[in-house]
Amino acid sequence: MKSISVTCPHCQKIASISQLSLSNTVNCEHCNKAVLDGKPVEADSSNFDKLIQSPKPVVVTFWGDNCSPCRTFKPIFEKMASERKKQLRFLRLNVQKNKSLASRYRIRGVPTIMVFKKGKQQAILNTALRKKEFGMWLDDVLQS
């Protein structure tokens, strides 16, 4: 079984997870904390396509280093990841470091938020929202 390498959101070390474990809680072999639950995982071009195949819907924020709205939205995204960890996966993708993915998904501005279900894009949001509005948007997307 092929494994996926991700940076643990807790200890920042590389953790390997199997594709079959994308629907489960997987603990990091270094710090023993949950890799895919409660904190957004930093995705990159080497693991993005595999991570969005998760049986759970995946919420991705495409962001940039010098983006003020991205910095404002980051704690909202992290809070939502913590609150909805049982029903969703959350990823962050830096568009400057992953230009091919930004181009593939036609990212024109950041932050851009997308929801994927089993690898297929379901929804897109081209702006940051406040927490309440972001939660309502996610609810609408999940019901469709």
C-alpha atoms as a PDB file:
ATOM      1  CA  MET A   1       0.000   0.000   0.000  1.00  0.00           C
ATOM      2  CA  LYS A   2       1.327   3.363  -1.008  1.00  0.00           C
ATOM      3  CA  SER A   3       1.876   5.929   1.719  1.00  0.00           C
ATOM      4  CA  ILE A   4       1.486   9.689   1.711  1.00  0.00           C
ATOM      5  CA  SER A   5       4.013  11.961   3.385  1.00  0.00           C
ATOM      6  CA  VAL A   6       2.598  14.956   5.238  1.00  0.00           C
ATOM      7  CA  THR A   7       4.024  17.426   7.689  1.00  0.00           C
ATOM      8  CA  CYS A   8       2.501  16.827  11.101  1.00  0.00           C
ATOM      9  CA  PRO A   9       0.630  20.012  12.107  1.00  0.00           C
ATOM     10  CA  HIS A  10       1.784  19.513  15.718  1.00  0.00           C
ATOM     11  CA  CYS A  11       5.506  18.652  15.612  1.00  0.00           C
ATOM     12  CA  GLN A  12       6.270  19.761  12.009  1.00  0.00           C
ATOM     13  CA  LYS A  13       8.026  16.452  11.254  1.00  0.00           C
ATOM     14  CA  ILE A  14       7.265  14.324   8.206  1.00  0.00           C
ATOM     15  CA  ALA A  15       4.693  11.627   8.947  1.00  0.00           C
ATOM     16  CA  SER A  16       3.741   8.788   6.629  1.00  0.00           C
ATOM     17  CA  ILE A  17       0.128   7.707   6.376  1.00  0.00           C
ATOM     18  CA  SER A  18      -1.474   5.109   4.140  1.00  0.00           C
ATOM     19  CA  GLN A  19      -4.150   6.094   1.634  1.00  0.00           C
ATOM     20  CA  LEU A  20      -6.526   3.661   3.348  1.00  0.00           C
ATOM     21  CA  SER A  21      -6.232   5.618   6.589  1.00  0.00           C
ATOM     22  CA  LEU A  22      -7.529   8.901   5.136  1.00  0.00           C
ATOM     23  CA  SER A  23     -10.935   8.328   6.725  1.00  0.00           C
ATOM     24  CA  ASN A  24      -9.488   7.514  10.145  1.00  0.00           C
ATOM     25  CA  THR A  25      -7.595   9.294  12.837  1.00  0.00           C
ATOM     26  CA  VAL A  26      -3.904   8.623  12.267  1.00  0.00           C
ATOM     27  CA  ASN A  27      -1.298   9.428  14.893  1.00  0.00           C
ATOM     28  CA  CYS A  28       2.093  10.864  14.035  1.00  0.00           C
ATOM     29  CA  GLU A  29       4.913   8.387  14.645  1.00  0.00           C
ATOM     30  CA  HIS A  30       7.001  11.204  16.177  1.00  0.00           C
ATOM     31  CA  CYS A  31       4.672  13.029  18.590  1.00  0.00           C
ATOM     32  CA  ASN A  32       1.755  10.567  18.706  1.00  0.00           C
ATOM     33  CA  LYS A  33      -0.820  13.331  18.051  1.00  0.00           C
ATOM     34  CA  ALA A  34      -3.543  13.083  15.404  1.00  0.00           C
ATOM     35  CA  VAL A  35      -2.165  14.092  12.010  1.00  0.00           C
ATOM     36  CA  LEU A  36      -5.464  14.576  10.157  1.00  0.00           C
ATOM     37  CA  ASP A  37      -7.773  15.760  12.920  1.00  0.00           C
ATOM     38  CA  GLY A  38      -8.173  19.175  14.442  1.00  0.00           C
ATOM     39  CA  LYS A  39      -5.514  21.171  12.593  1.00  0.00           C
ATOM     40  CA  PRO A  40      -5.140  21.923   8.896  1.00  0.00           C
ATOM     41  CA  VAL A  41      -2.436  19.936   7.133  1.00  0.00           C
ATOM     42  CA  GLU A  42      -0.001  21.829   4.894  1.00  0.00           C
ATOM     43  CA  ALA A  43      -0.424  20.231   1.489  1.00  0.00           C
ATOM     44  CA  ASP A  44       1.971  20.448  -1.449  1.00  0.00           C
ATOM     45  CA  SER A  45       2.236  19.153  -4.992  1.00  0.00           C
ATOM     46  CA  SER A  46       3.567  15.789  -3.795  1.00  0.00           C
ATOM     47  CA  ASN A  47       0.575  14.886  -1.600  1.00  0.00           C
ATOM     48  CA  PHE A  48      -2.350  17.107  -2.628  1.00  0.00           C
ATOM     49  CA  ASP A  49      -4.003  14.748  -5.129  1.00  0.00           C
ATOM     50  CA  LYS A  50      -3.914  11.873  -2.667  1.00  0.00           C
ATOM     51  CA  LEU A  51      -5.172  13.918   0.294  1.00  0.00           C
ATOM     52  CA  ILE A  52      -8.243  15.184  -1.555  1.00  0.00           C
ATOM     53  CA  GLN A  53      -9.263  11.562  -2.215  1.00  0.00           C
ATOM     54  CA  SER A  54     -10.315  11.279   1.426  1.00  0.00           C
ATOM     55  CA  PRO A  55     -13.706   9.651   2.038  1.00  0.00           C
ATOM     56  CA  LYS A  56     -14.438  12.669   4.227  1.00  0.00           C
ATOM     57  CA  PRO A  57     -14.982  15.978   2.394  1.00  0.00           C
ATOM     58  CA  VAL A  58     -11.810  18.061   2.221  1.00  0.00           C
ATOM     59  CA  VAL A  59     -11.765  21.846   2.657  1.00  0.00           C
ATOM     60  CA  VAL A  60      -8.714  23.512   1.114  1.00  0.00           C
ATOM     61  CA  THR A  61      -7.599  27.089   1.516  1.00  0.00           C
ATOM     62  CA  PHE A  62      -5.244  28.309  -1.191  1.00  0.00           C
ATOM     63  CA  TRP A  63      -3.212  31.084   0.419  1.00  0.00           C
ATOM     64  CA  GLY A  64      -0.188  33.299  -0.104  1.00  0.00           C
ATOM     65  CA  ASP A  65       2.671  34.513   2.106  1.00  0.00           C
ATOM     66  CA  ASN A  66       2.059  38.240   1.632  1.00  0.00           C
ATOM     67  CA  CYS A  67      -1.738  38.115   1.745  1.00  0.00           C
ATOM     68  CA  SER A  68      -3.310  40.135   4.537  1.00  0.00           C
ATOM     69  CA  PRO A  69      -6.786  38.553   4.136  1.00  0.00           C
ATOM     70  CA  CYS A  70      -5.094  35.124   4.286  1.00  0.00           C
ATOM     71  CA  ARG A  71      -3.516  35.993   7.633  1.00  0.00           C
ATOM     72  CA  THR A  72      -6.886  37.233   8.917  1.00  0.00           C
ATOM     73  CA  PHE A  73      -8.660  34.083   7.693  1.00  0.00           C
ATOM     74  CA  LYS A  74      -6.066  31.611   9.053  1.00  0.00           C
ATOM     75  CA  PRO A  75      -7.370  31.518  12.683  1.00  0.00           C
ATOM     76  CA  ILE A  76     -10.952  31.193  11.415  1.00  0.00           C
ATOM     77  CA  PHE A  77      -9.944  28.266   9.192  1.00  0.00           C
ATOM     78  CA  GLU A  78      -8.048  26.643  12.085  1.00  0.00           C
ATOM     79  CA  LYS A  79     -10.985  27.082  14.471  1.00  0.00           C
ATOM     80  CA  MET A  80     -13.360  25.522  11.944  1.00  0.00           C
ATOM     81  CA  ALA A  81     -10.923  22.624  11.448  1.00  0.00           C
ATOM     82  CA  SER A  82     -10.987  21.980  15.177  1.00  0.00           C
ATOM     83  CA  GLU A  83     -14.765  22.227  15.453  1.00  0.00           C
ATOM     84  CA  ARG A  84     -15.550  20.058  12.419  1.00  0.00           C
ATOM     85  CA  LYS A  85     -12.749  17.519  12.619  1.00  0.00           C
ATOM     86  CA  LYS A  86     -15.163  14.576  12.772  1.00  0.00           C
ATOM     87  CA  GLN A  87     -16.897  15.401   9.495  1.00  0.00           C
ATOM     88  CA  LEU A  88     -14.250  17.204   7.404  1.00  0.00           C
ATOM     89  CA  ARG A  89     -10.537  17.316   6.600  1.00  0.00           C
ATOM     90  CA  PHE A  90      -8.774  20.674   6.271  1.00  0.00           C
ATOM     91  CA  LEU A  91      -5.761  21.462   4.095  1.00  0.00           C
ATOM     92  CA  ARG A  92      -3.739  24.607   3.436  1.00  0.00           C
ATOM     93  CA  LEU A  93      -1.854  25.075   0.178  1.00  0.00           C
ATOM     94  CA  ASN A  94       0.659  27.878  -0.373  1.00  0.00           C
ATOM     95  CA  VAL A  95       0.188  29.069  -3.973  1.00  0.00           C
ATOM     96  CA  GLN A  96       3.691  30.582  -4.243  1.00  0.00           C
ATOM     97  CA  LYS A  97       5.308  27.252  -3.372  1.00  0.00           C
ATOM     98  CA  ASN A  98       2.876  25.188  -5.472  1.00  0.00           C
ATOM     99  CA  LYS A  99       2.382  27.187  -8.658  1.00  0.00           C
ATOM    100  CA  SER A 100       1.402  24.186 -10.776  1.00  0.00           C
ATOM    101  CA  LEU A 101      -1.541  23.397  -8.488  1.00  0.00           C
ATOM    102  CA  ALA A 102      -2.561  27.055  -8.351  1.00  0.00           C
ATOM    103  CA  SER A 103      -2.551  27.081 -12.141  1.00  0.00           C
ATOM    104  CA  ARG A 104      -4.454  23.796 -12.449  1.00  0.00           C
ATOM    105  CA  TYR A 105      -7.245  25.109 -10.208  1.00  0.00           C
ATOM    106  CA  ARG A 106      -7.129  28.567 -11.820  1.00  0.00           C
ATOM    107  CA  ILE A 107      -6.436  30.416  -8.597  1.00  0.00           C
ATOM    108  CA  ARG A 108      -6.563  34.115  -9.451  1.00  0.00           C
ATOM    109  CA  GLY A 109      -6.663  35.550  -5.954  1.00  0.00           C
ATOM    110  CA  VAL A 110      -6.121  34.394  -2.417  1.00  0.00           C
ATOM    111  CA  PRO A 111      -7.557  33.241  -0.205  1.00  0.00           C
ATOM    112  CA  THR A 112      -9.577  30.844  -2.318  1.00  0.00           C
ATOM    113  CA  ILE A 113     -11.405  28.041  -0.545  1.00  0.00           C
ATOM    114  CA  MET A 114     -12.465  24.816  -2.264  1.00  0.00           C
ATOM    115  CA  VAL A 115     -14.312  21.743  -1.072  1.00  0.00           C
ATOM    116  CA  PHE A 116     -13.546  18.334  -2.550  1.00  0.00           C
ATOM    117  CA  LYS A 117     -15.496  15.107  -2.150  1.00  0.00           C
ATOM    118  CA  LYS A 118     -13.533  11.966  -3.074  1.00  0.00           C
ATOM    119  CA  GLY A 119     -11.213  14.010  -5.257  1.00  0.00           C
ATOM    120  CA  LYS A 120     -13.879  15.966  -7.136  1.00  0.00           C
ATOM    121  CA  GLN A 121     -14.236  19.710  -6.643  1.00  0.00           C
ATOM    122  CA  GLN A 122     -17.677  20.493  -5.216  1.00  0.00           C
ATOM    123  CA  ALA A 123     -17.558  24.195  -4.387  1.00  0.00           C
ATOM    124  CA  ILE A 124     -15.365  27.274  -4.540  1.00  0.00           C
ATOM    125  CA  LEU A 125     -15.287  30.478  -2.531  1.00  0.00           C
ATOM    126  CA  ASN A 126     -13.089  33.327  -3.747  1.00  0.00           C
ATOM    127  CA  THR A 127     -12.873  35.336  -0.551  1.00  0.00           C
ATOM    128  CA  ALA A 128     -12.337  35.066   3.179  1.00  0.00           C
ATOM    129  CA  LEU A 129     -15.400  35.094   5.396  1.00  0.00           C
ATOM    130  CA  ARG A 130     -16.064  35.634   9.055  1.00  0.00           C
ATOM    131  CA  LYS A 131     -16.454  32.446  11.089  1.00  0.00           C
ATOM    132  CA  LYS A 132     -20.258  32.404  11.175  1.00  0.00           C
ATOM    133  CA  GLU A 133     -20.584  32.991   7.426  1.00  0.00           C
ATOM    134  CA  PHE A 134     -17.863  30.440   6.669  1.00  0.00           C
ATOM    135  CA  GLY A 135     -19.716  27.854   8.760  1.00  0.00           C
ATOM    136  CA  MET A 136     -22.975  28.610   6.950  1.00  0.00           C
ATOM    137  CA  TRP A 137     -21.218  28.282   3.569  1.00  0.00           C
ATOM    138  CA  LEU A 138     -19.767  24.900   4.591  1.00  0.00           C
ATOM    139  CA  ASP A 139     -23.224  23.745   5.755  1.00  0.00           C
ATOM    140  CA  ASP A 140     -24.712  24.706   2.380  1.00  0.00           C
ATOM    141  CA  VAL A 141     -21.939  22.910   0.481  1.00  0.00           C
ATOM    142  CA  LEU A 142     -22.274  19.738   2.547  1.00  0.00           C
ATOM    143  CA  GLN A 143     -26.034  19.603   2.046  1.00  0.00           C
ATOM    144  CA  SER A 144     -25.771  19.815  -1.736  1.00  0.00           C
END
